[in-house]
Amino acid sequence: MAKHYQLKTPTMRFLEAVDPQKRSIQQILLDAFRETGTELAAAKSVGITQQTYNAWKYRLNLAESVFRISRGLEHGDTPSEDSPDESSE
């Protein structure tokens, strides 16, 4: 578990600290993507660049989860409320 925390940058920790819902950075990123539908819009809603969003997506092993959410959005499905990548927490 300690390795998981070493993956977080100071900015990631800051975003978690100021999140009113006290979500993990993984959940913040996934929720932003789920709500907006694009990485660019998700990044803007969180207050980071698209490049940073993309780098964090891979750093935190969220790429597959983001892909699954995007496939659901393309097909008009409502993504599940459950965290798609609970194994990384």
C-alpha atoms as a PDB file:
ATOM      1  CA  MET A   1       0.000   0.000   0.000  1.00  0.00           C
ATOM      2  CA  ALA A   2       2.837   2.433   0.703  1.00  0.00           C
ATOM      3  CA  LYS A   3       3.844   2.332  -2.953  1.00  0.00           C
ATOM      4  CA  HIS A   4       0.364   3.568  -3.890  1.00  0.00           C
ATOM      5  CA  TYR A   5       0.896   6.765  -1.906  1.00  0.00           C
ATOM      6  CA  GLN A   6       4.310   7.361  -3.453  1.00  0.00           C
ATOM      7  CA  LEU A   7       2.595   7.656  -6.840  1.00  0.00           C
ATOM      8  CA  LYS A   8       0.780  10.804  -5.742  1.00  0.00           C
ATOM      9  CA  THR A   9       2.288  14.161  -6.563  1.00  0.00           C
ATOM     10  CA  PRO A  10       1.871  17.179  -4.270  1.00  0.00           C
ATOM     11  CA  THR A  11      -0.773  18.520  -6.661  1.00  0.00           C
ATOM     12  CA  MET A  12      -2.705  15.250  -6.465  1.00  0.00           C
ATOM     13  CA  ARG A  13      -2.620  15.408  -2.672  1.00  0.00           C
ATOM     14  CA  PHE A  14      -3.760  19.027  -2.780  1.00  0.00           C
ATOM     15  CA  LEU A  15      -6.745  18.192  -5.001  1.00  0.00           C
ATOM     16  CA  GLU A  16      -7.730  15.425  -2.581  1.00  0.00           C
ATOM     17  CA  ALA A  17      -7.380  17.771   0.388  1.00  0.00           C
ATOM     18  CA  VAL A  18      -9.626  20.466  -1.104  1.00  0.00           C
ATOM     19  CA  ASP A  19     -12.234  18.060  -2.483  1.00  0.00           C
ATOM     20  CA  PRO A  20     -15.463  18.658  -0.540  1.00  0.00           C
ATOM     21  CA  GLN A  21     -16.432  14.988  -0.928  1.00  0.00           C
ATOM     22  CA  LYS A  22     -12.983  13.781   0.291  1.00  0.00           C
ATOM     23  CA  ARG A  23     -12.569  11.483  -2.720  1.00  0.00           C
ATOM     24  CA  SER A  24      -9.296   9.888  -3.774  1.00  0.00           C
ATOM     25  CA  ILE A  25      -7.531  11.446  -6.748  1.00  0.00           C
ATOM     26  CA  GLN A  26      -8.451   8.364  -8.760  1.00  0.00           C
ATOM     27  CA  GLN A  27     -12.139   8.911  -8.054  1.00  0.00           C
ATOM     28  CA  ILE A  28     -11.873  12.653  -8.736  1.00  0.00           C
ATOM     29  CA  LEU A  29     -10.375  11.980 -12.172  1.00  0.00           C
ATOM     30  CA  LEU A  30     -12.862   9.242 -13.057  1.00  0.00           C
ATOM     31  CA  ASP A  31     -15.856  11.275 -11.880  1.00  0.00           C
ATOM     32  CA  ALA A  32     -14.681  14.300 -13.867  1.00  0.00           C
ATOM     33  CA  PHE A  33     -14.367  12.179 -17.013  1.00  0.00           C
ATOM     34  CA  ARG A  34     -17.729  10.522 -16.392  1.00  0.00           C
ATOM     35  CA  GLU A  35     -19.405  13.928 -15.954  1.00  0.00           C
ATOM     36  CA  THR A  36     -17.790  15.684 -18.907  1.00  0.00           C
ATOM     37  CA  GLY A  37     -17.168  12.902 -21.441  1.00  0.00           C
ATOM     38  CA  THR A  38     -13.732  14.053 -22.622  1.00  0.00           C
ATOM     39  CA  GLU A  39     -10.265  14.163 -21.122  1.00  0.00           C
ATOM     40  CA  LEU A  40      -9.874  17.837 -22.030  1.00  0.00           C
ATOM     41  CA  ALA A  41     -13.115  18.839 -20.294  1.00  0.00           C
ATOM     42  CA  ALA A  42     -12.347  16.575 -17.331  1.00  0.00           C
ATOM     43  CA  ALA A  43      -8.908  18.133 -16.962  1.00  0.00           C
ATOM     44  CA  LYS A  44     -10.337  21.648 -17.101  1.00  0.00           C
ATOM     45  CA  SER A  45     -12.989  20.805 -14.516  1.00  0.00           C
ATOM     46  CA  VAL A  46     -10.292  19.550 -12.135  1.00  0.00           C
ATOM     47  CA  GLY A  47      -7.978  22.491 -12.858  1.00  0.00           C
ATOM     48  CA  ILE A  48      -5.148  20.703 -14.655  1.00  0.00           C
ATOM     49  CA  THR A  49      -3.997  20.460 -18.265  1.00  0.00           C
ATOM     50  CA  GLN A  50      -5.039  17.648 -20.580  1.00  0.00           C
ATOM     51  CA  GLN A  51      -1.410  16.523 -20.691  1.00  0.00           C
ATOM     52  CA  THR A  52      -1.363  16.249 -16.896  1.00  0.00           C
ATOM     53  CA  TYR A  53      -4.688  14.390 -16.879  1.00  0.00           C
ATOM     54  CA  ASN A  54      -3.306  11.921 -19.420  1.00  0.00           C
ATOM     55  CA  ALA A  55      -0.050  11.418 -17.493  1.00  0.00           C
ATOM     56  CA  TRP A  56      -1.940  10.867 -14.223  1.00  0.00           C
ATOM     57  CA  LYS A  57      -4.323   8.466 -15.951  1.00  0.00           C
ATOM     58  CA  TYR A  58      -1.375   6.190 -16.743  1.00  0.00           C
ATOM     59  CA  ARG A  59       0.510   6.861 -13.514  1.00  0.00           C
ATOM     60  CA  LEU A  60      -2.532   5.827 -11.454  1.00  0.00           C
ATOM     61  CA  ASN A  61      -3.484   2.898 -13.726  1.00  0.00           C
ATOM     62  CA  LEU A  62      -6.781   4.475 -14.765  1.00  0.00           C
ATOM     63  CA  ALA A  63      -6.415   4.124 -18.539  1.00  0.00           C
ATOM     64  CA  GLU A  64      -8.578   1.012 -18.793  1.00  0.00           C
ATOM     65  CA  SER A  65     -11.263   2.510 -16.553  1.00  0.00           C
ATOM     66  CA  VAL A  66     -11.364   5.705 -18.617  1.00  0.00           C
ATOM     67  CA  PHE A  67     -11.582   3.608 -21.780  1.00  0.00           C
ATOM     68  CA  ARG A  68     -14.494   1.585 -20.388  1.00  0.00           C
ATOM     69  CA  ILE A  69     -16.311   4.754 -19.336  1.00  0.00           C
ATOM     70  CA  SER A  70     -15.765   6.264 -22.791  1.00  0.00           C
ATOM     71  CA  ARG A  71     -17.104   3.137 -24.496  1.00  0.00           C
ATOM     72  CA  GLY A  72     -20.206   3.307 -22.326  1.00  0.00           C
ATOM     73  CA  LEU A  73     -20.698   6.974 -23.139  1.00  0.00           C
ATOM     74  CA  GLU A  74     -20.341   6.301 -26.879  1.00  0.00           C
ATOM     75  CA  HIS A  75     -23.089   3.704 -26.708  1.00  0.00           C
ATOM     76  CA  GLY A  76     -25.413   5.904 -24.660  1.00  0.00           C
ATOM     77  CA  ASP A  77     -25.014   3.833 -21.516  1.00  0.00           C
ATOM     78  CA  THR A  78     -25.008   5.400 -18.089  1.00  0.00           C
ATOM     79  CA  PRO A  79     -21.721   4.421 -16.446  1.00  0.00           C
ATOM     80  CA  SER A  80     -21.894   2.550 -13.165  1.00  0.00           C
ATOM     81  CA  GLU A  81     -21.659   4.520  -9.933  1.00  0.00           C
ATOM     82  CA  ASP A  82     -19.117   1.990  -8.654  1.00  0.00           C
ATOM     83  CA  SER A  83     -15.457   2.829  -8.932  1.00  0.00           C
ATOM     84  CA  PRO A  84     -14.269   0.825 -11.973  1.00  0.00           C
ATOM     85  CA  ASP A  85     -10.762   0.497 -10.590  1.00  0.00           C
ATOM     86  CA  GLU A  86     -11.184  -0.290  -6.909  1.00  0.00           C
ATOM     87  CA  SER A  87      -8.269  -2.724  -6.964  1.00  0.00           C
ATOM     88  CA  SER A  88      -5.717   0.131  -7.175  1.00  0.00           C
ATOM     89  CA  GLU A  89      -6.877   1.817  -3.976  1.00  0.00           C
END
